[in-house]
Amino acid sequence: MKDRELTPDTKWIICMWDIRGEDIAETAALMKRSLKQVTDILNQCKEDGYYDKVRRHIEYFDCVNAKAAIEGFAAALKEFGGGIECER
């Protein structure tokens, strides 16, 4: 398989999918790249610190989303009187 050209997003996607737990062979297939190229890019990103940069962005994004979800839930509770009934 001939590897596609690298784009600015290639490294980001490979790191993000690895951080999210995707199988590296599946990532290579989805990106239409050889497993060796994806592995080499991932290893390079881990060595030069780019991988950690992506991880920090993902953690921040997850934190912001979780905060927004909690705030939305709190607003809904307030709007509906705050009572939650649970069946036992």
PDB file of N, CA and C in Angstrom:
ATOM      1  N   MET A   1       0.844  -1.175   0.000  1.00  0.00           N
ATOM      2  CA  MET A   1       0.000   0.000   0.000  1.00  0.00           C
ATOM      3  C   MET A   1       0.893   1.243   0.000  1.00  0.00           C
ATOM      4  N   LYS A   2       0.590   2.178  -0.883  1.00  0.00           N
ATOM      5  CA  LYS A   2       1.354   3.428  -0.946  1.00  0.00           C
ATOM      6  C   LYS A   2       0.781   4.396   0.093  1.00  0.00           C
ATOM      7  N   ASP A   3       1.672   4.957   0.895  1.00  0.00           N
ATOM      8  CA  ASP A   3       1.225   5.885   1.934  1.00  0.00           C
ATOM      9  C   ASP A   3       0.773   7.202   1.333  1.00  0.00           C
ATOM     10  N   ARG A   4      -0.267   7.764   1.947  1.00  0.00           N
ATOM     11  CA  ARG A   4      -0.740   9.083   1.529  1.00  0.00           C
ATOM     12  C   ARG A   4       0.230  10.138   2.045  1.00  0.00           C
ATOM     13  N   GLU A   5       0.148  11.323   1.449  1.00  0.00           N
ATOM     14  CA  GLU A   5       0.989  12.422   1.914  1.00  0.00           C
ATOM     15  C   GLU A   5       0.575  12.827   3.321  1.00  0.00           C
ATOM     16  N   LEU A   6       1.545  13.329   4.065  1.00  0.00           N
ATOM     17  CA  LEU A   6       1.245  13.822   5.408  1.00  0.00           C
ATOM     18  C   LEU A   6       0.519  15.154   5.303  1.00  0.00           C
ATOM     19  N   THR A   7      -0.431  15.365   6.167  1.00  0.00           N
ATOM     20  CA  THR A   7      -1.113  16.653   6.265  1.00  0.00           C
ATOM     21  C   THR A   7      -0.855  17.193   7.663  1.00  0.00           C
ATOM     22  N   PRO A   8      -1.144  18.464   7.908  1.00  0.00           N
ATOM     23  CA  PRO A   8      -0.939  18.997   9.258  1.00  0.00           C
ATOM     24  C   PRO A   8      -1.724  18.231  10.329  1.00  0.00           C
ATOM     25  N   ASP A   9      -2.844  17.627   9.948  1.00  0.00           N
ATOM     26  CA  ASP A   9      -3.672  16.923  10.930  1.00  0.00           C
ATOM     27  C   ASP A   9      -3.236  15.485  11.183  1.00  0.00           C
ATOM     28  N   THR A  10      -2.359  14.945  10.340  1.00  0.00           N
ATOM     29  CA  THR A  10      -1.990  13.534  10.441  1.00  0.00           C
ATOM     30  C   THR A  10      -1.455  13.183  11.823  1.00  0.00           C
ATOM     31  N   LYS A  11      -0.465  13.946  12.295  1.00  0.00           N
ATOM     32  CA  LYS A  11       0.135  13.654  13.599  1.00  0.00           C
ATOM     33  C   LYS A  11      -0.912  13.773  14.710  1.00  0.00           C
ATOM     34  N   TRP A  12      -1.734  14.812  14.622  1.00  0.00           N
ATOM     35  CA  TRP A  12      -2.751  15.035  15.652  1.00  0.00           C
ATOM     36  C   TRP A  12      -3.700  13.841  15.730  1.00  0.00           C
ATOM     37  N   ILE A  13      -4.185  13.392  14.582  1.00  0.00           N
ATOM     38  CA  ILE A  13      -5.147  12.286  14.543  1.00  0.00           C
ATOM     39  C   ILE A  13      -4.523  11.007  15.082  1.00  0.00           C
ATOM     40  N   ILE A  14      -3.300  10.705  14.656  1.00  0.00           N
ATOM     41  CA  ILE A  14      -2.638   9.485  15.120  1.00  0.00           C
ATOM     42  C   ILE A  14      -2.462   9.520  16.632  1.00  0.00           C
ATOM     43  N   CYS A  15      -2.007  10.646  17.171  1.00  0.00           N
ATOM     44  CA  CYS A  15      -1.835  10.765  18.624  1.00  0.00           C
ATOM     45  C   CYS A  15      -3.172  10.675  19.343  1.00  0.00           C
ATOM     46  N   MET A  16      -4.176  11.400  18.844  1.00  0.00           N
ATOM     47  CA  MET A  16      -5.485  11.424  19.490  1.00  0.00           C
ATOM     48  C   MET A  16      -6.086  10.026  19.547  1.00  0.00           C
ATOM     49  N   TRP A  17      -6.043   9.312  18.426  1.00  0.00           N
ATOM     50  CA  TRP A  17      -6.630   7.977  18.404  1.00  0.00           C
ATOM     51  C   TRP A  17      -5.875   7.028  19.316  1.00  0.00           C
ATOM     52  N   ASP A  18      -4.545   7.186  19.423  1.00  0.00           N
ATOM     53  CA  ASP A  18      -3.778   6.340  20.333  1.00  0.00           C
ATOM     54  C   ASP A  18      -4.156   6.645  21.780  1.00  0.00           C
ATOM     55  N   ILE A  19      -4.266   7.920  22.109  1.00  0.00           N
ATOM     56  CA  ILE A  19      -4.645   8.328  23.464  1.00  0.00           C
ATOM     57  C   ILE A  19      -6.040   7.810  23.811  1.00  0.00           C
ATOM     58  N   ARG A  20      -6.929   7.806  22.828  1.00  0.00           N
ATOM     59  CA  ARG A  20      -8.295   7.316  23.035  1.00  0.00           C
ATOM     60  C   ARG A  20      -8.382   5.788  23.035  1.00  0.00           C
ATOM     61  N   GLY A  21      -7.247   5.109  22.795  1.00  0.00           N
ATOM     62  CA  GLY A  21      -7.214   3.657  22.905  1.00  0.00           C
ATOM     63  C   GLY A  21      -7.488   2.889  21.626  1.00  0.00           C
ATOM     64  N   GLU A  22      -7.436   3.582  20.480  1.00  0.00           N
ATOM     65  CA  GLU A  22      -7.654   2.875  19.214  1.00  0.00           C
ATOM     66  C   GLU A  22      -6.464   1.978  18.898  1.00  0.00           C
ATOM     67  N   ASP A  23      -6.735   0.857  18.257  1.00  0.00           N
ATOM     68  CA  ASP A  23      -5.686  -0.054  17.823  1.00  0.00           C
ATOM     69  C   ASP A  23      -4.877   0.607  16.710  1.00  0.00           C
ATOM     70  N   ILE A  24      -3.559   0.537  16.812  1.00  0.00           N
ATOM     71  CA  ILE A  24      -2.705   1.242  15.849  1.00  0.00           C
ATOM     72  C   ILE A  24      -2.852   0.688  14.432  1.00  0.00           C
ATOM     73  N   ALA A  25      -3.105  -0.614  14.310  1.00  0.00           N
ATOM     74  CA  ALA A  25      -3.300  -1.206  12.976  1.00  0.00           C
ATOM     75  C   ALA A  25      -4.599  -0.700  12.355  1.00  0.00           C
ATOM     76  N   GLU A  26      -5.622  -0.534  13.197  1.00  0.00           N
ATOM     77  CA  GLU A  26      -6.899  -0.001  12.713  1.00  0.00           C
ATOM     78  C   GLU A  26      -6.735   1.457  12.278  1.00  0.00           C
ATOM     79  N   THR A  27      -5.972   2.213  13.058  1.00  0.00           N
ATOM     80  CA  THR A  27      -5.694   3.601  12.703  1.00  0.00           C
ATOM     81  C   THR A  27      -5.009   3.670  11.343  1.00  0.00           C
ATOM     82  N   ALA A  28      -4.007   2.824  11.142  1.00  0.00           N
ATOM     83  CA  ALA A  28      -3.281   2.807   9.865  1.00  0.00           C
ATOM     84  C   ALA A  28      -4.223   2.484   8.711  1.00  0.00           C
ATOM     85  N   ALA A  29      -5.082   1.502   8.903  1.00  0.00           N
ATOM     86  CA  ALA A  29      -6.016   1.116   7.838  1.00  0.00           C
ATOM     87  C   ALA A  29      -6.995   2.246   7.525  1.00  0.00           C
ATOM     88  N   LEU A  30      -7.547   2.871   8.561  1.00  0.00           N
ATOM     89  CA  LEU A  30      -8.503   3.958   8.357  1.00  0.00           C
ATOM     90  C   LEU A  30      -7.859   5.160   7.667  1.00  0.00           C
ATOM     91  N   MET A  31      -6.598   5.394   7.970  1.00  0.00           N
ATOM     92  CA  MET A  31      -5.900   6.537   7.383  1.00  0.00           C
ATOM     93  C   MET A  31      -5.240   6.176   6.050  1.00  0.00           C
ATOM     94  N   LYS A  32      -5.417   4.929   5.630  1.00  0.00           N
ATOM     95  CA  LYS A  32      -4.812   4.450   4.377  1.00  0.00           C
ATOM     96  C   LYS A  32      -3.300   4.687   4.365  1.00  0.00           C
ATOM     97  N   ARG A  33      -2.669   4.246   5.446  1.00  0.00           N
ATOM     98  CA  ARG A  33      -1.221   4.354   5.603  1.00  0.00           C
ATOM     99  C   ARG A  33      -0.679   3.006   6.061  1.00  0.00           C
ATOM    100  N   SER A  34       0.608   2.819   5.871  1.00  0.00           N
ATOM    101  CA  SER A  34       1.208   1.568   6.333  1.00  0.00           C
ATOM    102  C   SER A  34       1.328   1.607   7.857  1.00  0.00           C
ATOM    103  N   LEU A  35       1.296   0.431   8.449  1.00  0.00           N
ATOM    104  CA  LEU A  35       1.446   0.332   9.900  1.00  0.00           C
ATOM    105  C   LEU A  35       2.792   0.923  10.322  1.00  0.00           C
ATOM    106  N   LYS A  36       3.823   0.685   9.527  1.00  0.00           N
ATOM    107  CA  LYS A  36       5.149   1.209   9.858  1.00  0.00           C
ATOM    108  C   LYS A  36       5.137   2.735   9.892  1.00  0.00           C
ATOM    109  N   GLN A  37       4.494   3.369   8.916  1.00  0.00           N
ATOM    110  CA  GLN A  37       4.473   4.834   8.900  1.00  0.00           C
ATOM    111  C   GLN A  37       3.742   5.372  10.129  1.00  0.00           C
ATOM    112  N   VAL A  38       2.604   4.779  10.461  1.00  0.00           N
ATOM    113  CA  VAL A  38       1.842   5.252  11.616  1.00  0.00           C
ATOM    114  C   VAL A  38       2.633   5.034  12.902  1.00  0.00           C
ATOM    115  N   THR A  39       3.265   3.875  13.030  1.00  0.00           N
ATOM    116  CA  THR A  39       4.080   3.591  14.216  1.00  0.00           C
ATOM    117  C   THR A  39       5.250   4.565  14.311  1.00  0.00           C
ATOM    118  N   ASP A  40       5.908   4.832  13.183  1.00  0.00           N
ATOM    119  CA  ASP A  40       7.032   5.778  13.176  1.00  0.00           C
ATOM    120  C   ASP A  40       6.582   7.178  13.582  1.00  0.00           C
ATOM    121  N   ILE A  41       5.447   7.618  13.050  1.00  0.00           N
ATOM    122  CA  ILE A  41       4.922   8.946  13.396  1.00  0.00           C
ATOM    123  C   ILE A  41       4.585   9.006  14.881  1.00  0.00           C
ATOM    124  N   LEU A  42       3.932   7.965  15.385  1.00  0.00           N
ATOM    125  CA  LEU A  42       3.553   7.929  16.798  1.00  0.00           C
ATOM    126  C   LEU A  42       4.791   7.974  17.688  1.00  0.00           C
ATOM    127  N   ASN A  43       5.795   7.176  17.368  1.00  0.00           N
ATOM    128  CA  ASN A  43       7.027   7.165  18.163  1.00  0.00           C
ATOM    129  C   ASN A  43       7.736   8.514  18.113  1.00  0.00           C
ATOM    130  N   GLN A  44       7.763   9.139  16.936  1.00  0.00           N
ATOM    131  CA  GLN A  44       8.383  10.455  16.803  1.00  0.00           C
ATOM    132  C   GLN A  44       7.646  11.477  17.671  1.00  0.00           C
ATOM    133  N   CYS A  45       6.312  11.415  17.663  1.00  0.00           N
ATOM    134  CA  CYS A  45       5.505  12.347  18.458  1.00  0.00           C
ATOM    135  C   CYS A  45       5.751  12.156  19.948  1.00  0.00           C
ATOM    136  N   LYS A  46       5.941  10.917  20.371  1.00  0.00           N
ATOM    137  CA  LYS A  46       6.212  10.650  21.784  1.00  0.00           C
ATOM    138  C   LYS A  46       7.595  11.165  22.174  1.00  0.00           C
ATOM    139  N   GLU A  47       8.549  11.067  21.253  1.00  0.00           N
ATOM    140  CA  GLU A  47       9.915  11.514  21.540  1.00  0.00           C
ATOM    141  C   GLU A  47      10.035  13.032  21.573  1.00  0.00           C
ATOM    142  N   ASP A  48       9.338  13.722  20.673  1.00  0.00           N
ATOM    143  CA  ASP A  48       9.518  15.182  20.592  1.00  0.00           C
ATOM    144  C   ASP A  48       8.528  15.984  21.442  1.00  0.00           C
ATOM    145  N   GLY A  49       7.681  15.304  22.212  1.00  0.00           N
ATOM    146  CA  GLY A  49       6.769  15.992  23.120  1.00  0.00           C
ATOM    147  C   GLY A  49       5.418  16.352  22.525  1.00  0.00           C
ATOM    148  N   TYR A  50       5.237  16.117  21.237  1.00  0.00           N
ATOM    149  CA  TYR A  50       3.964  16.465  20.592  1.00  0.00           C
ATOM    150  C   TYR A  50       2.819  15.633  21.160  1.00  0.00           C
ATOM    151  N   TYR A  51       3.085  14.367  21.454  1.00  0.00           N
ATOM    152  CA  TYR A  51       2.075  13.458  22.003  1.00  0.00           C
ATOM    153  C   TYR A  51       1.513  14.017  23.314  1.00  0.00           C
ATOM    154  N   ASP A  52       2.399  14.511  24.183  1.00  0.00           N
ATOM    155  CA  ASP A  52       1.952  15.082  25.458  1.00  0.00           C
ATOM    156  C   ASP A  52       1.127  16.347  25.249  1.00  0.00           C
ATOM    157  N   LYS A  53       1.479  17.128  24.226  1.00  0.00           N
ATOM    158  CA  LYS A  53       0.705  18.331  23.898  1.00  0.00           C
ATOM    159  C   LYS A  53      -0.722  17.944  23.511  1.00  0.00           C
ATOM    160  N   VAL A  54      -0.854  16.919  22.675  1.00  0.00           N
ATOM    161  CA  VAL A  54      -2.178  16.452  22.259  1.00  0.00           C
ATOM    162  C   VAL A  54      -2.943  15.927  23.467  1.00  0.00           C
ATOM    163  N   ARG A  55      -2.260  15.157  24.324  1.00  0.00           N
ATOM    164  CA  ARG A  55      -2.905  14.617  25.528  1.00  0.00           C
ATOM    165  C   ARG A  55      -3.451  15.744  26.404  1.00  0.00           C
ATOM    166  N   ARG A  56      -2.676  16.803  26.593  1.00  0.00           N
ATOM    167  CA  ARG A  56      -3.140  17.937  27.416  1.00  0.00           C
ATOM    168  C   ARG A  56      -4.377  18.588  26.806  1.00  0.00           C
ATOM    169  N   HIS A  57      -4.386  18.750  25.491  1.00  0.00           N
ATOM    170  CA  HIS A  57      -5.554  19.337  24.818  1.00  0.00           C
ATOM    171  C   HIS A  57      -6.784  18.446  24.996  1.00  0.00           C
ATOM    172  N   ILE A  58      -6.609  17.151  24.859  1.00  0.00           N
ATOM    173  CA  ILE A  58      -7.731  16.225  25.015  1.00  0.00           C
ATOM    174  C   ILE A  58      -8.246  16.251  26.450  1.00  0.00           C
ATOM    175  N   GLU A  59      -7.339  16.239  27.426  1.00  0.00           N
ATOM    176  CA  GLU A  59      -7.755  16.287  28.830  1.00  0.00           C
ATOM    177  C   GLU A  59      -8.505  17.580  29.131  1.00  0.00           C
ATOM    178  N   TYR A  60      -8.032  18.709  28.583  1.00  0.00           N
ATOM    179  CA  TYR A  60      -8.715  19.987  28.779  1.00  0.00           C
ATOM    180  C   TYR A  60     -10.106  19.944  28.153  1.00  0.00           C
ATOM    181  N   PHE A  61     -10.185  19.426  26.923  1.00  0.00           N
ATOM    182  CA  PHE A  61     -11.464  19.318  26.223  1.00  0.00           C
ATOM    183  C   PHE A  61     -12.441  18.453  27.024  1.00  0.00           C
ATOM    184  N   ASP A  62     -11.973  17.315  27.526  1.00  0.00           N
ATOM    185  CA  ASP A  62     -12.823  16.432  28.325  1.00  0.00           C
ATOM    186  C   ASP A  62     -13.295  17.126  29.597  1.00  0.00           C
ATOM    187  N   CYS A  63     -12.394  17.882  30.216  1.00  0.00           N
ATOM    188  CA  CYS A  63     -12.728  18.591  31.452  1.00  0.00           C
ATOM    189  C   CYS A  63     -13.787  19.659  31.188  1.00  0.00           C
ATOM    190  N   VAL A  64     -13.623  20.413  30.118  1.00  0.00           N
ATOM    191  CA  VAL A  64     -14.584  21.463  29.764  1.00  0.00           C
ATOM    192  C   VAL A  64     -15.946  20.841  29.461  1.00  0.00           C
ATOM    193  N   ASN A  65     -15.954  19.740  28.720  1.00  0.00           N
ATOM    194  CA  ASN A  65     -17.218  19.068  28.397  1.00  0.00           C
ATOM    195  C   ASN A  65     -17.896  18.532  29.645  1.00  0.00           C
ATOM    196  N   ALA A  66     -17.120  17.955  30.555  1.00  0.00           N
ATOM    197  CA  ALA A  66     -17.687  17.426  31.793  1.00  0.00           C
ATOM    198  C   ALA A  66     -18.269  18.562  32.632  1.00  0.00           C
ATOM    199  N   LYS A  67     -17.550  19.682  32.699  1.00  0.00           N
ATOM    200  CA  LYS A  67     -18.031  20.837  33.461  1.00  0.00           C
ATOM    201  C   LYS A  67     -19.341  21.346  32.872  1.00  0.00           C
ATOM    202  N   ALA A  68     -19.411  21.449  31.548  1.00  0.00           N
ATOM    203  CA  ALA A  68     -20.634  21.929  30.895  1.00  0.00           C
ATOM    204  C   ALA A  68     -21.798  20.974  31.146  1.00  0.00           C
ATOM    205  N   ALA A  69     -21.531  19.680  31.125  1.00  0.00           N
ATOM    206  CA  ALA A  69     -22.586  18.695  31.375  1.00  0.00           C
ATOM    207  C   ALA A  69     -23.106  18.809  32.805  1.00  0.00           C
ATOM    208  N   ILE A  70     -22.198  18.980  33.755  1.00  0.00           N
ATOM    209  CA  ILE A  70     -22.599  19.112  35.164  1.00  0.00           C
ATOM    210  C   ILE A  70     -23.397  20.398  35.367  1.00  0.00           C
ATOM    211  N   GLU A  71     -22.947  21.492  34.756  1.00  0.00           N
ATOM    212  CA  GLU A  71     -23.669  22.763  34.883  1.00  0.00           C
ATOM    213  C   GLU A  71     -25.055  22.666  34.253  1.00  0.00           C
ATOM    214  N   GLY A  72     -25.158  21.982  33.123  1.00  0.00           N
ATOM    215  CA  GLY A  72     -26.459  21.782  32.475  1.00  0.00           C
ATOM    216  C   GLY A  72     -27.389  20.954  33.334  1.00  0.00           C
ATOM    217  N   PHE A  73     -26.851  19.917  33.957  1.00  0.00           N
ATOM    218  CA  PHE A  73     -27.646  19.066  34.838  1.00  0.00           C
ATOM    219  C   PHE A  73     -28.109  19.859  36.061  1.00  0.00           C
ATOM    220  N   ALA A  74     -27.207  20.670  36.623  1.00  0.00           N
ATOM    221  CA  ALA A  74     -27.565  21.487  37.788  1.00  0.00           C
ATOM    222  C   ALA A  74     -28.655  22.491  37.428  1.00  0.00           C
ATOM    223  N   ALA A  75     -28.567  23.091  36.246  1.00  0.00           N
ATOM    224  CA  ALA A  75     -29.587  24.047  35.804  1.00  0.00           C
ATOM    225  C   ALA A  75     -30.931  23.349  35.621  1.00  0.00           C
ATOM    226  N   ALA A  76     -30.919  22.136  35.085  1.00  0.00           N
ATOM    227  CA  ALA A  76     -32.163  21.381  34.902  1.00  0.00           C
ATOM    228  C   ALA A  76     -32.779  21.033  36.248  1.00  0.00           C
ATOM    229  N   LEU A  77     -31.953  20.644  37.209  1.00  0.00           N
ATOM    230  CA  LEU A  77     -32.464  20.334  38.549  1.00  0.00           C
ATOM    231  C   LEU A  77     -33.115  21.565  39.167  1.00  0.00           C
ATOM    232  N   LYS A  78     -32.457  22.711  39.024  1.00  0.00           N
ATOM    233  CA  LYS A  78     -32.985  23.950  39.586  1.00  0.00           C
ATOM    234  C   LYS A  78     -34.305  24.312  38.909  1.00  0.00           C
ATOM    235  N   GLU A  79     -34.352  24.162  37.591  1.00  0.00           N
ATOM    236  CA  GLU A  79     -35.549  24.507  36.828  1.00  0.00           C
ATOM    237  C   GLU A  79     -36.739  23.636  37.217  1.00  0.00           C
ATOM    238  N   PHE A  80     -36.487  22.380  37.504  1.00  0.00           N
ATOM    239  CA  PHE A  80     -37.575  21.456  37.814  1.00  0.00           C
ATOM    240  C   PHE A  80     -37.730  21.211  39.309  1.00  0.00           C
ATOM    241  N   GLY A  81     -37.255  22.127  40.119  1.00  0.00           N
ATOM    242  CA  GLY A  81     -37.496  22.060  41.548  1.00  0.00           C
ATOM    243  C   GLY A  81     -36.476  21.267  42.336  1.00  0.00           C
ATOM    244  N   GLY A  82     -35.517  20.683  41.681  1.00  0.00           N
ATOM    245  CA  GLY A  82     -34.441  20.002  42.389  1.00  0.00           C
ATOM    246  C   GLY A  82     -34.774  18.637  42.930  1.00  0.00           C
ATOM    247  N   GLY A  83     -36.005  18.202  42.767  1.00  0.00           N
ATOM    248  CA  GLY A  83     -36.350  16.889  43.307  1.00  0.00           C
ATOM    249  C   GLY A  83     -36.135  15.781  42.300  1.00  0.00           C
ATOM    250  N   ILE A  84     -35.447  14.761  42.728  1.00  0.00           N
ATOM    251  CA  ILE A  84     -35.265  13.584  41.886  1.00  0.00           C
ATOM    252  C   ILE A  84     -35.838  12.398  42.638  1.00  0.00           C
ATOM    253  N   GLU A  85     -36.745  11.718  41.986  1.00  0.00           N
ATOM    254  CA  GLU A  85     -37.323  10.541  42.614  1.00  0.00           C
ATOM    255  C   GLU A  85     -36.700   9.301  42.007  1.00  0.00           C
ATOM    256  N   CYS A  86     -36.282   8.406  42.863  1.00  0.00           N
ATOM    257  CA  CYS A  86     -35.670   7.164  42.404  1.00  0.00           C
ATOM    258  C   CYS A  86     -36.520   5.995  42.863  1.00  0.00           C
ATOM    259  N   GLU A  87     -36.664   5.032  41.991  1.00  0.00           N
ATOM    260  CA  GLU A  87     -37.361   3.811  42.384  1.00  0.00           C
ATOM    261  C   GLU A  87     -36.370   2.879  43.034  1.00  0.00           C
ATOM    262  N   ARG A  88     -36.837   2.159  44.033  1.00  0.00           N
ATOM    263  CA  ARG A  88     -35.960   1.188  44.691  1.00  0.00           C
ATOM    264  C   ARG A  88     -36.350  -0.190  44.300  1.00  0.00           C
TER     265      ARG A  88
END
